[in-house]
N, C-alpha and C. Protein backbone atom coordinates (compact mmCIF):
# COMPACT_ATOMS: atom_id res chain seq x y z
N MET A 1 16.22 -9.52 -12.12
CA MET A 1 14.57 -9.46 -12.04
C MET A 1 14.66 -7.97 -11.20
N ILE A 2 13.64 -7.91 -10.93
CA ILE A 2 12.82 -7.25 -10.27
C ILE A 2 12.58 -7.42 -8.67
N GLY A 3 13.41 -7.08 -7.53
CA GLY A 3 13.29 -7.26 -6.25
C GLY A 3 12.25 -6.32 -5.10
N THR A 4 13.03 -5.34 -5.65
CA THR A 4 12.34 -4.07 -4.29
C THR A 4 11.24 -3.03 -4.73
N ALA A 5 10.55 -2.45 -3.73
CA ALA A 5 9.67 -1.48 -4.61
C ALA A 5 10.71 -0.74 -4.99
N GLN A 6 12.35 -0.23 -4.60
CA GLN A 6 12.99 0.76 -4.85
C GLN A 6 13.38 0.37 -5.75
N ASP A 7 13.49 -1.24 -6.68
CA ASP A 7 13.46 -1.36 -7.96
C ASP A 7 12.65 -0.48 -8.82
N LEU A 8 11.54 -0.67 -8.84
CA LEU A 8 10.89 -0.25 -9.63
C LEU A 8 10.85 0.95 -9.59
N GLU A 9 11.07 1.44 -8.11
CA GLU A 9 11.15 3.39 -8.78
C GLU A 9 12.35 3.70 -9.37
N ALA A 10 13.09 3.48 -9.67
CA ALA A 10 14.24 3.50 -10.39
C ALA A 10 14.01 2.98 -11.92
N MET A 11 13.19 2.35 -11.74
CA MET A 11 12.92 1.60 -13.34
C MET A 11 11.87 3.36 -14.03
N ARG A 12 11.16 3.81 -12.85
CA ARG A 12 10.15 4.65 -13.40
C ARG A 12 10.54 5.97 -13.20
N GLN A 13 11.93 6.04 -12.70
CA GLN A 13 12.40 7.52 -12.70
C GLN A 13 13.45 7.58 -13.72
N VAL A 14 14.02 6.55 -14.46
CA VAL A 14 14.84 5.82 -15.67
C VAL A 14 13.78 6.82 -17.15
N ILE A 15 12.35 5.98 -16.89
CA ILE A 15 11.04 6.49 -17.84
C ILE A 15 10.87 7.48 -17.81
N ASP A 16 11.05 8.01 -16.61
CA ASP A 16 10.72 9.91 -16.25
C ASP A 16 11.54 11.17 -17.01
N GLY A 17 12.82 10.32 -17.24
CA GLY A 17 13.68 10.88 -18.07
C GLY A 17 13.82 10.67 -19.39
N GLU A 18 13.24 9.61 -19.67
CA GLU A 18 13.55 9.17 -20.95
C GLU A 18 11.97 10.37 -21.90
N ILE A 19 10.75 10.18 -21.52
CA ILE A 19 9.94 11.14 -21.52
C ILE A 19 10.16 12.38 -21.61
N PHE A 20 10.89 13.13 -20.10
CA PHE A 20 11.33 14.45 -20.75
C PHE A 20 11.69 14.44 -21.68
N ARG A 21 13.26 13.66 -22.14
CA ARG A 21 13.97 14.07 -23.47
C ARG A 21 12.93 14.13 -24.70
N LEU A 22 12.33 12.85 -24.76
CA LEU A 22 11.97 12.69 -25.98
C LEU A 22 10.52 14.04 -25.85
N THR A 23 9.81 14.78 -25.12
CA THR A 23 9.28 15.66 -24.90
C THR A 23 9.80 17.18 -25.78
N THR A 24 10.74 17.31 -24.97
CA THR A 24 11.82 18.44 -25.44
C THR A 24 12.28 18.13 -26.55
N LEU A 25 13.02 16.86 -27.38
CA LEU A 25 13.25 16.76 -28.12
C LEU A 25 12.05 16.70 -29.40
N ARG A 26 10.90 16.57 -28.96
CA ARG A 26 9.34 16.65 -29.61
C ARG A 26 9.05 17.94 -30.04
N MET A 27 9.48 19.07 -29.49
CA MET A 27 9.30 20.22 -29.77
C MET A 27 9.97 21.31 -30.11
N LEU A 28 11.09 20.80 -30.45
CA LEU A 28 12.67 21.25 -31.12
C LEU A 28 12.13 21.75 -32.37
N PRO A 29 12.51 22.58 -32.84
CA PRO A 29 12.13 22.74 -34.71
C PRO A 29 12.81 21.83 -35.53
N GLY A 30 11.92 21.39 -36.42
CA GLY A 30 12.85 20.33 -37.90
C GLY A 30 12.56 19.02 -37.21
N ARG A 31 11.39 18.55 -36.63
CA ARG A 31 11.23 17.33 -35.96
C ARG A 31 10.18 16.78 -36.54
N ARG A 32 9.68 17.45 -37.78
CA ARG A 32 8.41 16.62 -37.96
C ARG A 32 8.14 15.65 -38.77
N GLY A 33 9.79 14.63 -39.26
CA GLY A 33 9.31 13.31 -40.12
C GLY A 33 9.94 12.96 -38.46
N GLU A 34 10.36 13.07 -37.56
CA GLU A 34 9.69 11.88 -36.40
C GLU A 34 8.88 12.06 -35.78
N LEU A 35 8.27 13.24 -35.80
CA LEU A 35 6.84 13.11 -34.47
C LEU A 35 6.76 11.36 -34.78
N ASP A 36 5.57 11.41 -35.65
CA ASP A 36 5.29 9.93 -35.53
C ASP A 36 6.33 8.82 -34.82
N TYR A 37 7.35 8.84 -34.81
CA TYR A 37 8.00 7.88 -33.98
C TYR A 37 8.37 8.15 -32.87
N ILE A 38 8.47 9.88 -32.44
CA ILE A 38 8.85 9.98 -31.11
C ILE A 38 6.99 10.24 -30.31
N ASP A 39 6.10 10.43 -30.98
CA ASP A 39 4.69 9.98 -30.24
C ASP A 39 4.34 8.59 -29.76
N GLY A 40 4.98 7.79 -30.80
CA GLY A 40 4.61 6.28 -30.43
C GLY A 40 5.81 5.81 -29.07
N GLU A 41 6.75 6.66 -29.36
CA GLU A 41 7.55 5.96 -28.09
C GLU A 41 7.11 6.64 -26.61
N LEU A 42 6.39 7.91 -26.88
CA LEU A 42 5.67 8.86 -25.51
C LEU A 42 5.10 7.34 -24.95
N ALA A 43 4.01 6.98 -26.09
CA ALA A 43 2.68 6.61 -25.68
C ALA A 43 3.38 5.19 -25.03
N ALA A 44 4.49 4.18 -25.71
CA ALA A 44 4.89 3.05 -24.58
C ALA A 44 5.40 3.57 -24.05
N LEU A 45 6.01 4.98 -23.45
CA LEU A 45 6.99 4.89 -22.04
C LEU A 45 5.24 4.99 -21.45
N SER A 46 4.34 5.71 -21.61
CA SER A 46 2.93 5.99 -20.42
C SER A 46 3.02 4.93 -20.08
N ARG A 47 2.82 4.23 -20.95
CA ARG A 47 1.66 2.80 -21.00
C ARG A 47 3.01 2.12 -19.65
N ASP A 48 4.12 1.94 -19.84
CA ASP A 48 5.16 1.30 -18.88
C ASP A 48 5.22 2.54 -17.70
N ARG A 49 5.40 3.47 -17.42
CA ARG A 49 5.12 4.24 -16.18
C ARG A 49 4.20 4.02 -15.89
N ARG A 50 2.57 3.88 -16.10
CA ARG A 50 1.38 3.21 -15.11
C ARG A 50 1.93 2.35 -14.84
N ALA A 51 2.20 1.27 -15.74
CA ALA A 51 1.99 -0.06 -15.10
C ALA A 51 2.84 -0.40 -13.53
N LEU A 52 4.32 0.49 -13.51
CA LEU A 52 5.43 0.51 -12.17
C LEU A 52 4.46 1.41 -11.79
N SER A 53 3.67 2.21 -11.45
CA SER A 53 2.89 3.26 -10.54
C SER A 53 2.29 2.17 -10.01
N ILE A 54 1.22 1.67 -10.70
CA ILE A 54 0.64 0.90 -10.09
C ILE A 54 0.88 -0.70 -9.64
N ALA A 55 1.83 -1.10 -9.94
CA ALA A 55 2.72 -2.26 -9.12
C ALA A 55 3.32 -1.49 -8.18
N LEU A 56 3.59 -0.30 -7.43
CA LEU A 56 4.64 0.14 -6.80
C LEU A 56 2.75 0.78 -5.98
N ILE A 57 2.46 0.96 -6.78
CA ILE A 57 0.53 0.57 -5.09
C ILE A 57 0.21 0.24 -4.75
N ASN A 58 -0.03 -1.04 -6.08
CA ASN A 58 0.10 -2.83 -5.02
C ASN A 58 0.57 -2.93 -4.22
N ARG A 59 1.92 -2.94 -4.04
CA ARG A 59 3.19 -2.76 -3.27
C ARG A 59 2.73 -2.02 -1.74
N GLU A 60 2.53 -0.97 -1.81
CA GLU A 60 2.20 -0.14 -0.72
C GLU A 60 1.09 -0.98 -0.12
N ILE A 61 0.07 -1.21 -0.96
CA ILE A 61 -1.09 -1.89 -0.01
C ILE A 61 -1.06 -2.87 0.52
N GLU A 62 -0.69 -3.91 0.15
CA GLU A 62 0.11 -4.68 0.73
C GLU A 62 1.11 -4.68 1.88
N ALA A 63 1.86 -3.94 1.97
CA ALA A 63 2.54 -3.62 2.61
C ALA A 63 2.01 -3.27 4.22
N SER A 64 1.09 -2.39 3.75
CA SER A 64 0.31 -2.08 5.03
C SER A 64 -0.66 -2.88 5.80
N ARG A 65 -0.99 -4.24 4.95
CA ARG A 65 -1.61 -5.10 5.99
C ARG A 65 -0.96 -5.74 6.91
N ASN A 66 -1.55 -6.39 7.84
CA ASN A 66 -0.83 -6.69 8.73
C ASN A 66 -0.38 -8.46 8.22
N PRO A 67 0.32 -8.99 9.16
CA PRO A 67 1.20 -10.28 8.31
C PRO A 67 0.13 -11.20 8.73
N VAL A 68 -0.11 -12.16 7.61
CA VAL A 68 -1.09 -13.14 7.78
C VAL A 68 -0.21 -14.06 8.90
N SER A 69 -1.04 -14.96 10.35
CA SER A 69 -0.64 -15.66 10.91
C SER A 69 -0.52 -16.93 10.55
N PHE A 70 0.17 -17.65 10.12
CA PHE A 70 -0.31 -19.08 9.47
C PHE A 70 -1.24 -19.72 10.10
N SER A 71 -0.93 -20.12 10.99
CA SER A 71 -2.09 -20.55 12.23
C SER A 71 -3.63 -20.28 12.08
N ARG A 72 -3.64 -19.02 11.97
CA ARG A 72 -4.91 -18.07 11.77
C ARG A 72 -5.76 -19.03 10.32
N TRP A 73 -4.16 -18.65 9.72
CA TRP A 73 -5.16 -18.89 8.07
C TRP A 73 -5.15 -20.50 7.63
N VAL A 74 -4.48 -21.34 8.85
CA VAL A 74 -4.67 -23.08 8.02
C VAL A 74 -6.24 -23.00 8.90
N SER A 75 -6.63 -22.64 9.83
CA SER A 75 -7.85 -22.84 10.46
C SER A 75 -9.38 -21.70 10.13
N GLY A 76 -8.95 -21.00 8.49
CA GLY A 76 -9.93 -19.98 8.37
C GLY A 76 -10.15 -19.02 9.59
N ASN A 77 -9.18 -18.20 10.35
CA ASN A 77 -8.98 -17.78 11.63
C ASN A 77 -9.86 -17.97 12.77
N GLY A 78 -9.95 -19.55 12.79
CA GLY A 78 -10.91 -19.85 13.84
C GLY A 78 -12.12 -21.05 13.39
N ALA A 79 -12.30 -20.69 12.18
CA ALA A 79 -13.97 -21.39 12.14
C ALA A 79 -13.86 -23.06 11.67
N LEU A 80 -12.32 -22.83 11.03
CA LEU A 80 -12.63 -24.83 11.70
C LEU A 80 -12.46 -25.11 12.87
N ASP A 81 -12.02 -24.94 13.56
CA ASP A 81 -11.92 -25.07 14.81
C ASP A 81 -13.07 -25.52 15.60
N ASP A 82 -14.17 -25.08 15.44
CA ASP A 82 -15.87 -25.43 16.14
C ASP A 82 -15.78 -26.95 14.64
N VAL A 83 -15.51 -26.95 13.68
CA VAL A 83 -15.86 -28.26 12.88
C VAL A 83 -14.95 -29.34 13.81
N ARG A 84 -13.84 -29.35 13.83
CA ARG A 84 -12.84 -30.30 14.69
C ARG A 84 -13.35 -30.52 15.83
N LYS A 85 -14.56 -29.35 16.71
CA LYS A 85 -14.98 -29.63 17.93
C LYS A 85 -15.72 -30.23 18.13
N ARG A 86 -16.81 -30.39 17.06
CA ARG A 86 -17.82 -31.39 16.34
C ARG A 86 -17.84 -32.55 16.26
N ARG A 87 -16.78 -32.73 15.27
CA ARG A 87 -16.40 -33.86 14.97
C ARG A 87 -15.67 -34.81 15.68
N LEU A 88 -15.29 -34.02 16.85
CA LEU A 88 -14.45 -34.82 18.19
C LEU A 88 -15.95 -35.10 19.19
N VAL A 89 -16.76 -34.33 19.21
CA VAL A 89 -18.11 -34.58 20.08
C VAL A 89 -19.12 -35.85 19.71
N ASP A 90 -19.08 -35.64 18.69
CA ASP A 90 -19.78 -36.79 17.45
C ASP A 90 -18.65 -38.28 17.89
N ARG A 91 -17.58 -38.52 17.73
CA ARG A 91 -16.69 -39.37 17.66
C ARG A 91 -16.95 -39.88 19.07
N THR A 92 -16.86 -39.19 20.16
CA THR A 92 -16.56 -39.25 21.90
C THR A 92 -18.58 -39.73 21.85
N ALA A 93 -19.16 -38.89 21.32
CA ALA A 93 -20.75 -39.76 21.55
C ALA A 93 -21.18 -40.97 20.51
N SER A 94 -20.33 -41.29 19.73
CA SER A 94 -20.81 -42.47 18.95
C SER A 94 -20.45 -43.33 19.83
N ARG A 95 -18.71 -43.42 20.39
CA ARG A 95 -18.40 -44.65 21.40
C ARG A 95 -18.95 -44.73 22.18
N LEU A 96 -19.48 -43.52 22.73
CA LEU A 96 -20.38 -44.01 23.97
C LEU A 96 -21.33 -44.72 23.82
N PHE A 97 -22.22 -44.10 23.08
CA PHE A 97 -23.51 -44.60 22.55
C PHE A 97 -22.77 -46.56 22.28
N SER A 98 -22.38 -46.49 21.75
CA SER A 98 -21.79 -47.87 20.75
C SER A 98 -21.46 -49.04 21.68
N ASN A 99 -21.29 -48.49 23.11
CA ASN A 99 -20.76 -49.62 24.21
C ASN A 99 -21.50 -49.79 25.41
N GLN A 100 -22.54 -48.73 25.03
CA GLN A 100 -23.38 -48.99 26.04
C GLN A 100 -24.58 -50.11 25.48
N GLY A 101 -25.04 -49.86 24.06
CA GLY A 101 -25.80 -51.17 23.60
C GLY A 101 -25.13 -52.82 24.10
N GLY A 102 -24.34 -52.98 23.70
CA GLY A 102 -23.51 -54.07 24.02
C GLY A 102 -22.92 -54.36 25.25
């Protein structure tokens, strides 16, 4: 299981090493029959490397954000406080007016 950004970075380094190895192998003479295979592997490794890089960037962005306060999150950063106050005022007012009439 991937747990940390360091794990993703280590995976990317392994892929970088494999890309370097295949690129070097591709340039050696006498590899004509293997070029299609090598190119396919390089394309797949490049896609994997890109995905890991995107994941690392997303983690970096998320880590730079302020932590979420659960109490602010629950109330919509205070937006629901006004709704609660209005309901409380409405209930209190309705009780007051219902008691006056009887």
